[in-house]
Amino acid sequence: MAANQMHALAGLPGTPVCTDTNIVVGSTIAKAIHFQEVEAVLRGARSSLGMSVPAVLGIAQGAVIPAAHINALRTYAQ
């Protein structure tokens, strides 16, 4: 995952841990917590690398995740 690669590139300790350990690519439904955790890892890595840290997306639990938020996370990982 790009977030893990940025985390390592930033020289941050350990490997980011996800609370949902049962993710199956292609069949797990994306939830707000998944995006919140990826966003947190990317924000920490960008901060450590001296890169700009965009505003928090604010994805609420149970909300439908807008395509704009998915695209924003992709941008954060670049």
PDB file of N, CA and C in Angstrom:
ATOM      1  N   MET A   1       0.842  -1.161   0.000  1.00  0.00           N
ATOM      2  CA  MET A   1       0.000   0.000   0.000  1.00  0.00           C
ATOM      3  C   MET A   1       0.892   1.231   0.000  1.00  0.00           C
ATOM      4  N   ALA A   2       0.505   2.245  -0.736  1.00  0.00           N
ATOM      5  CA  ALA A   2       1.280   3.478  -0.859  1.00  0.00           C
ATOM      6  C   ALA A   2       1.488   4.146   0.493  1.00  0.00           C
ATOM      7  N   ALA A   3       0.504   4.076   1.370  1.00  0.00           N
ATOM      8  CA  ALA A   3       0.631   4.705   2.685  1.00  0.00           C
ATOM      9  C   ALA A   3       1.760   4.049   3.469  1.00  0.00           C
ATOM     10  N   ASN A   4       1.867   2.740   3.421  1.00  0.00           N
ATOM     11  CA  ASN A   4       2.951   2.040   4.118  1.00  0.00           C
ATOM     12  C   ASN A   4       4.304   2.412   3.527  1.00  0.00           C
ATOM     13  N   GLN A   5       4.373   2.576   2.215  1.00  0.00           N
ATOM     14  CA  GLN A   5       5.633   2.949   1.568  1.00  0.00           C
ATOM     15  C   GLN A   5       6.041   4.358   1.980  1.00  0.00           C
ATOM     16  N   MET A   6       5.094   5.277   2.045  1.00  0.00           N
ATOM     17  CA  MET A   6       5.416   6.634   2.486  1.00  0.00           C
ATOM     18  C   MET A   6       5.842   6.638   3.951  1.00  0.00           C
ATOM     19  N   HIS A   7       5.204   5.830   4.764  1.00  0.00           N
ATOM     20  CA  HIS A   7       5.541   5.700   6.177  1.00  0.00           C
ATOM     21  C   HIS A   7       7.003   5.263   6.314  1.00  0.00           C
ATOM     22  N   ALA A   8       7.393   4.253   5.539  1.00  0.00           N
ATOM     23  CA  ALA A   8       8.767   3.754   5.577  1.00  0.00           C
ATOM     24  C   ALA A   8       9.741   4.792   5.028  1.00  0.00           C
ATOM     25  N   LEU A   9       9.385   5.448   3.930  1.00  0.00           N
ATOM     26  CA  LEU A   9      10.227   6.478   3.331  1.00  0.00           C
ATOM     27  C   LEU A   9      10.488   7.612   4.316  1.00  0.00           C
ATOM     28  N   ALA A  10       9.499   7.925   5.136  1.00  0.00           N
ATOM     29  CA  ALA A  10       9.638   8.995   6.127  1.00  0.00           C
ATOM     30  C   ALA A  10      10.515   8.563   7.304  1.00  0.00           C
ATOM     31  N   GLY A  11      10.876   7.272   7.347  1.00  0.00           N
ATOM     32  CA  GLY A  11      11.713   6.772   8.425  1.00  0.00           C
ATOM     33  C   GLY A  11      10.968   6.613   9.738  1.00  0.00           C
ATOM     34  N   LEU A  12       9.650   6.503   9.662  1.00  0.00           N
ATOM     35  CA  LEU A  12       8.852   6.334  10.871  1.00  0.00           C
ATOM     36  C   LEU A  12       8.964   4.893  11.358  1.00  0.00           C
ATOM     37  N   PRO A  13       8.934   4.689  12.663  1.00  0.00           N
ATOM     38  CA  PRO A  13       9.128   3.343  13.203  1.00  0.00           C
ATOM     39  C   PRO A  13       7.925   2.424  12.977  1.00  0.00           C
ATOM     40  N   GLY A  14       8.206   1.141  12.903  1.00  0.00           N
ATOM     41  CA  GLY A  14       7.150   0.137  12.823  1.00  0.00           C
ATOM     42  C   GLY A  14       6.396   0.148  11.514  1.00  0.00           C
ATOM     43  N   THR A  15       5.379  -0.673  11.473  1.00  0.00           N
ATOM     44  CA  THR A  15       4.486  -0.762  10.326  1.00  0.00           C
ATOM     45  C   THR A  15       3.111  -0.303  10.778  1.00  0.00           C
ATOM     46  N   PRO A  16       2.457   0.560   9.998  1.00  0.00           N
ATOM     47  CA  PRO A  16       1.111   0.998  10.382  1.00  0.00           C
ATOM     48  C   PRO A  16       0.183  -0.204  10.591  1.00  0.00           C
ATOM     49  N   VAL A  17      -0.638  -0.115  11.620  1.00  0.00           N
ATOM     50  CA  VAL A  17      -1.549  -1.200  11.960  1.00  0.00           C
ATOM     51  C   VAL A  17      -2.977  -0.775  11.651  1.00  0.00           C
ATOM     52  N   CYS A  18      -3.692  -1.646  10.982  1.00  0.00           N
ATOM     53  CA  CYS A  18      -5.108  -1.402  10.687  1.00  0.00           C
ATOM     54  C   CYS A  18      -5.958  -2.134  11.724  1.00  0.00           C
ATOM     55  N   THR A  19      -7.054  -1.514  12.119  1.00  0.00           N
ATOM     56  CA  THR A  19      -7.926  -2.153  13.102  1.00  0.00           C
ATOM     57  C   THR A  19      -8.712  -3.308  12.490  1.00  0.00           C
ATOM     58  N   ASP A  20      -8.941  -3.251  11.173  1.00  0.00           N
ATOM     59  CA  ASP A  20      -9.660  -4.324  10.478  1.00  0.00           C
ATOM     60  C   ASP A  20      -8.629  -5.261   9.871  1.00  0.00           C
ATOM     61  N   THR A  21      -8.412  -6.382  10.499  1.00  0.00           N
ATOM     62  CA  THR A  21      -7.389  -7.320  10.030  1.00  0.00           C
ATOM     63  C   THR A  21      -7.933  -8.345   9.035  1.00  0.00           C
ATOM     64  N   ASN A  22      -9.205  -8.227   8.673  1.00  0.00           N
ATOM     65  CA  ASN A  22      -9.827  -9.199   7.772  1.00  0.00           C
ATOM     66  C   ASN A  22     -10.113  -8.613   6.396  1.00  0.00           C
ATOM     67  N   ILE A  23      -9.284  -7.690   5.938  1.00  0.00           N
ATOM     68  CA  ILE A  23      -9.498  -7.079   4.626  1.00  0.00           C
ATOM     69  C   ILE A  23      -9.096  -8.066   3.536  1.00  0.00           C
ATOM     70  N   VAL A  24     -10.010  -8.274   2.591  1.00  0.00           N
ATOM     71  CA  VAL A  24      -9.758  -9.155   1.452  1.00  0.00           C
ATOM     72  C   VAL A  24      -9.905  -8.305   0.193  1.00  0.00           C
ATOM     73  N   VAL A  25      -8.799  -8.157  -0.529  1.00  0.00           N
ATOM     74  CA  VAL A  25      -8.806  -7.343  -1.738  1.00  0.00           C
ATOM     75  C   VAL A  25      -9.867  -7.856  -2.703  1.00  0.00           C
ATOM     76  N   GLY A  26     -10.682  -6.949  -3.181  1.00  0.00           N
ATOM     77  CA  GLY A  26     -11.709  -7.296  -4.157  1.00  0.00           C
ATOM     78  C   GLY A  26     -13.047  -7.700  -3.567  1.00  0.00           C
ATOM     79  N   SER A  27     -13.104  -7.924  -2.238  1.00  0.00           N
ATOM     80  CA  SER A  27     -14.389  -8.315  -1.674  1.00  0.00           C
ATOM     81  C   SER A  27     -14.768  -7.554  -0.394  1.00  0.00           C
ATOM     82  N   THR A  28     -13.801  -6.942   0.281  1.00  0.00           N
ATOM     83  CA  THR A  28     -14.118  -6.181   1.486  1.00  0.00           C
ATOM     84  C   THR A  28     -14.710  -4.832   1.098  1.00  0.00           C
ATOM     85  N   ILE A  29     -15.814  -4.484   1.711  1.00  0.00           N
ATOM     86  CA  ILE A  29     -16.443  -3.185   1.457  1.00  0.00           C
ATOM     87  C   ILE A  29     -15.665  -2.124   2.222  1.00  0.00           C
ATOM     88  N   ALA A  30     -15.259  -1.069   1.506  1.00  0.00           N
ATOM     89  CA  ALA A  30     -14.504   0.019   2.129  1.00  0.00           C
ATOM     90  C   ALA A  30     -15.385   0.733   3.153  1.00  0.00           C
ATOM     91  N   LYS A  31     -14.807   0.967   4.318  1.00  0.00           N
ATOM     92  CA  LYS A  31     -15.516   1.643   5.405  1.00  0.00           C
ATOM     93  C   LYS A  31     -14.778   2.920   5.769  1.00  0.00           C
ATOM     94  N   ALA A  32     -15.468   3.789   6.472  1.00  0.00           N
ATOM     95  CA  ALA A  32     -14.864   5.054   6.882  1.00  0.00           C
ATOM     96  C   ALA A  32     -13.582   4.817   7.673  1.00  0.00           C
ATOM     97  N   ILE A  33     -13.559   3.822   8.545  1.00  0.00           N
ATOM     98  CA  ILE A  33     -12.375   3.564   9.368  1.00  0.00           C
ATOM     99  C   ILE A  33     -11.162   3.235   8.513  1.00  0.00           C
ATOM    100  N   HIS A  34     -11.361   2.550   7.405  1.00  0.00           N
ATOM    101  CA  HIS A  34     -10.247   2.227   6.514  1.00  0.00           C
ATOM    102  C   HIS A  34      -9.624   3.512   5.972  1.00  0.00           C
ATOM    103  N   PHE A  35     -10.487   4.430   5.534  1.00  0.00           N
ATOM    104  CA  PHE A  35      -9.988   5.691   4.991  1.00  0.00           C
ATOM    105  C   PHE A  35      -9.367   6.561   6.074  1.00  0.00           C
ATOM    106  N   GLN A  36      -9.949   6.564   7.259  1.00  0.00           N
ATOM    107  CA  GLN A  36      -9.403   7.357   8.360  1.00  0.00           C
ATOM    108  C   GLN A  36      -8.001   6.876   8.725  1.00  0.00           C
ATOM    109  N   GLU A  37      -7.804   5.572   8.753  1.00  0.00           N
ATOM    110  CA  GLU A  37      -6.497   5.018   9.103  1.00  0.00           C
ATOM    111  C   GLU A  37      -5.454   5.297   8.023  1.00  0.00           C
ATOM    112  N   VAL A  38      -5.818   5.132   6.762  1.00  0.00           N
ATOM    113  CA  VAL A  38      -4.887   5.428   5.673  1.00  0.00           C
ATOM    114  C   VAL A  38      -4.548   6.917   5.680  1.00  0.00           C
ATOM    115  N   GLU A  39      -5.560   7.750   5.873  1.00  0.00           N
ATOM    116  CA  GLU A  39      -5.334   9.192   5.908  1.00  0.00           C
ATOM    117  C   GLU A  39      -4.370   9.561   7.035  1.00  0.00           C
ATOM    118  N   ALA A  40      -4.531   8.964   8.205  1.00  0.00           N
ATOM    119  CA  ALA A  40      -3.658   9.258   9.347  1.00  0.00           C
ATOM    120  C   ALA A  40      -2.209   8.871   9.039  1.00  0.00           C
ATOM    121  N   VAL A  41      -2.012   7.716   8.413  1.00  0.00           N
ATOM    122  CA  VAL A  41      -0.661   7.280   8.061  1.00  0.00           C
ATOM    123  C   VAL A  41      -0.040   8.246   7.056  1.00  0.00           C
ATOM    124  N   LEU A  42      -0.805   8.630   6.040  1.00  0.00           N
ATOM    125  CA  LEU A  42      -0.294   9.548   5.025  1.00  0.00           C
ATOM    126  C   LEU A  42       0.011  10.922   5.610  1.00  0.00           C
ATOM    127  N   ARG A  43      -0.853  11.412   6.490  1.00  0.00           N
ATOM    128  CA  ARG A  43      -0.614  12.719   7.115  1.00  0.00           C
ATOM    129  C   ARG A  43       0.661  12.683   7.954  1.00  0.00           C
ATOM    130  N   GLY A  44       0.870  11.624   8.719  1.00  0.00           N
ATOM    131  CA  GLY A  44       2.075  11.505   9.529  1.00  0.00           C
ATOM    132  C   GLY A  44       3.337  11.444   8.681  1.00  0.00           C
ATOM    133  N   ALA A  45       3.279  10.665   7.607  1.00  0.00           N
ATOM    134  CA  ALA A  45       4.437  10.530   6.725  1.00  0.00           C
ATOM    135  C   ALA A  45       4.746  11.845   6.026  1.00  0.00           C
ATOM    136  N   ARG A  46       3.725  12.510   5.504  1.00  0.00           N
ATOM    137  CA  ARG A  46       3.937  13.786   4.817  1.00  0.00           C
ATOM    138  C   ARG A  46       4.524  14.824   5.769  1.00  0.00           C
ATOM    139  N   SER A  47       4.043  14.842   6.989  1.00  0.00           N
ATOM    140  CA  SER A  47       4.555  15.776   7.977  1.00  0.00           C
ATOM    141  C   SER A  47       6.035  15.499   8.263  1.00  0.00           C
ATOM    142  N   SER A  48       6.381  14.242   8.461  1.00  0.00           N
ATOM    143  CA  SER A  48       7.769  13.865   8.739  1.00  0.00           C
ATOM    144  C   SER A  48       8.698  14.166   7.569  1.00  0.00           C
ATOM    145  N   LEU A  49       8.173  14.114   6.369  1.00  0.00           N
ATOM    146  CA  LEU A  49       8.964  14.397   5.172  1.00  0.00           C
ATOM    147  C   LEU A  49       9.026  15.891   4.848  1.00  0.00           C
ATOM    148  N   GLY A  50       8.346  16.710   5.650  1.00  0.00           N
ATOM    149  CA  GLY A  50       8.337  18.153   5.404  1.00  0.00           C
ATOM    150  C   GLY A  50       7.441  18.563   4.256  1.00  0.00           C
ATOM    151  N   MET A  51       6.517  17.689   3.893  1.00  0.00           N
ATOM    152  CA  MET A  51       5.571  17.986   2.811  1.00  0.00           C
ATOM    153  C   MET A  51       4.328  18.647   3.393  1.00  0.00           C
ATOM    154  N   SER A  52       3.563  19.293   2.535  1.00  0.00           N
ATOM    155  CA  SER A  52       2.311  19.886   3.004  1.00  0.00           C
ATOM    156  C   SER A  52       1.379  18.788   3.506  1.00  0.00           C
ATOM    157  N   VAL A  53       0.613  19.130   4.524  1.00  0.00           N
ATOM    158  CA  VAL A  53      -0.346  18.188   5.089  1.00  0.00           C
ATOM    159  C   VAL A  53      -1.739  18.757   4.845  1.00  0.00           C
ATOM    160  N   PRO A  54      -2.479  18.176   3.898  1.00  0.00           N
ATOM    161  CA  PRO A  54      -3.816  18.679   3.570  1.00  0.00           C
ATOM    162  C   PRO A  54      -4.783  18.566   4.751  1.00  0.00           C
ATOM    163  N   ALA A  55      -5.843  19.307   4.664  1.00  0.00           N
ATOM    164  CA  ALA A  55      -6.882  19.260   5.693  1.00  0.00           C
ATOM    165  C   ALA A  55      -7.447  17.851   5.818  1.00  0.00           C
ATOM    166  N   VAL A  56      -7.877  17.516   7.026  1.00  0.00           N
ATOM    167  CA  VAL A  56      -8.486  16.207   7.272  1.00  0.00           C
ATOM    168  C   VAL A  56      -9.761  16.100   6.441  1.00  0.00           C
ATOM    169  N   LEU A  57      -9.962  14.937   5.818  1.00  0.00           N
ATOM    170  CA  LEU A  57     -11.136  14.744   4.966  1.00  0.00           C
ATOM    171  C   LEU A  57     -12.434  14.662   5.766  1.00  0.00           C
ATOM    172  N   GLY A  58     -12.370  14.166   6.976  1.00  0.00           N
ATOM    173  CA  GLY A  58     -13.561  14.113   7.811  1.00  0.00           C
ATOM    174  C   GLY A  58     -14.612  13.134   7.330  1.00  0.00           C
ATOM    175  N   ILE A  59     -14.207  11.916   7.084  1.00  0.00           N
ATOM    176  CA  ILE A  59     -15.140  10.885   6.636  1.00  0.00           C
ATOM    177  C   ILE A  59     -15.834  10.308   7.861  1.00  0.00           C
ATOM    178  N   ALA A  60     -17.119  10.481   7.945  1.00  0.00           N
ATOM    179  CA  ALA A  60     -17.889  10.033   9.107  1.00  0.00           C
ATOM    180  C   ALA A  60     -18.216   8.549   9.020  1.00  0.00           C
ATOM    181  N   GLN A  61     -18.263   7.907  10.189  1.00  0.00           N
ATOM    182  CA  GLN A  61     -18.645   6.497  10.250  1.00  0.00           C
ATOM    183  C   GLN A  61     -20.031   6.314   9.633  1.00  0.00           C
ATOM    184  N   GLY A  62     -20.179   5.307   8.808  1.00  0.00           N
ATOM    185  CA  GLY A  62     -21.465   4.988   8.206  1.00  0.00           C
ATOM    186  C   GLY A  62     -21.816   5.820   6.978  1.00  0.00           C
ATOM    187  N   ALA A  63     -20.990   6.796   6.655  1.00  0.00           N
ATOM    188  CA  ALA A  63     -21.274   7.658   5.507  1.00  0.00           C
ATOM    189  C   ALA A  63     -20.830   6.984   4.215  1.00  0.00           C
ATOM    190  N   VAL A  64     -21.483   7.346   3.131  1.00  0.00           N
ATOM    191  CA  VAL A  64     -21.041   6.900   1.813  1.00  0.00           C
ATOM    192  C   VAL A  64     -19.781   7.700   1.501  1.00  0.00           C
ATOM    193  N   ILE A  65     -18.745   7.020   1.059  1.00  0.00           N
ATOM    194  CA  ILE A  65     -17.473   7.687   0.814  1.00  0.00           C
ATOM    195  C   ILE A  65     -17.487   8.279  -0.590  1.00  0.00           C
ATOM    196  N   PRO A  66     -17.434   9.614  -0.676  1.00  0.00           N
ATOM    197  CA  PRO A  66     -17.474  10.265  -1.984  1.00  0.00           C
ATOM    198  C   PRO A  66     -16.212   9.978  -2.803  1.00  0.00           C
ATOM    199  N   ALA A  67     -16.358   9.951  -4.108  1.00  0.00           N
ATOM    200  CA  ALA A  67     -15.214   9.734  -4.995  1.00  0.00           C
ATOM    201  C   ALA A  67     -14.145  10.793  -4.765  1.00  0.00           C
ATOM    202  N   ALA A  68     -14.546  12.011  -4.415  1.00  0.00           N
ATOM    203  CA  ALA A  68     -13.582  13.081  -4.171  1.00  0.00           C
ATOM    204  C   ALA A  68     -12.635  12.727  -3.031  1.00  0.00           C
ATOM    205  N   HIS A  69     -13.141  12.017  -2.011  1.00  0.00           N
ATOM    206  CA  HIS A  69     -12.280  11.617  -0.901  1.00  0.00           C
ATOM    207  C   HIS A  69     -11.289  10.535  -1.334  1.00  0.00           C
ATOM    208  N   ILE A  70     -11.750   9.633  -2.163  1.00  0.00           N
ATOM    209  CA  ILE A  70     -10.853   8.584  -2.676  1.00  0.00           C
ATOM    210  C   ILE A  70      -9.742   9.229  -3.509  1.00  0.00           C
ATOM    211  N   ASN A  71     -10.120  10.163  -4.358  1.00  0.00           N
ATOM    212  CA  ASN A  71      -9.121  10.861  -5.188  1.00  0.00           C
ATOM    213  C   ASN A  71      -8.167  11.688  -4.338  1.00  0.00           C
ATOM    214  N   ALA A  72      -8.663  12.285  -3.258  1.00  0.00           N
ATOM    215  CA  ALA A  72      -7.803  13.066  -2.359  1.00  0.00           C
ATOM    216  C   ALA A  72      -6.762  12.178  -1.713  1.00  0.00           C
ATOM    217  N   LEU A  73      -7.156  10.979  -1.263  1.00  0.00           N
ATOM    218  CA  LEU A  73      -6.173  10.064  -0.665  1.00  0.00           C
ATOM    219  C   LEU A  73      -5.118   9.647  -1.680  1.00  0.00           C
ATOM    220  N   ARG A  74      -5.538   9.446  -2.909  1.00  0.00           N
ATOM    221  CA  ARG A  74      -4.560   9.109  -3.958  1.00  0.00           C
ATOM    222  C   ARG A  74      -3.556  10.241  -4.120  1.00  0.00           C
ATOM    223  N   THR A  75      -4.038  11.474  -4.081  1.00  0.00           N
ATOM    224  CA  THR A  75      -3.175  12.629  -4.210  1.00  0.00           C
ATOM    225  C   THR A  75      -2.215  12.732  -3.039  1.00  0.00           C
ATOM    226  N   TYR A  76      -2.692  12.467  -1.831  1.00  0.00           N
ATOM    227  CA  TYR A  76      -1.843  12.528  -0.633  1.00  0.00           C
ATOM    228  C   TYR A  76      -0.672  11.578  -0.750  1.00  0.00           C
ATOM    229  N   ALA A  77      -0.871  10.435  -1.426  1.00  0.00           N
ATOM    230  CA  ALA A  77       0.157   9.410  -1.521  1.00  0.00           C
ATOM    231  C   ALA A  77       1.207   9.722  -2.583  1.00  0.00           C
ATOM    232  N   GLN A  78       1.053  10.807  -3.287  1.00  0.00           N
ATOM    233  CA  GLN A  78       2.011  11.146  -4.351  1.00  0.00           C
ATOM    234  C   GLN A  78       3.118  12.018  -3.830  1.00  0.00           C
TER     235      GLN A  78
END
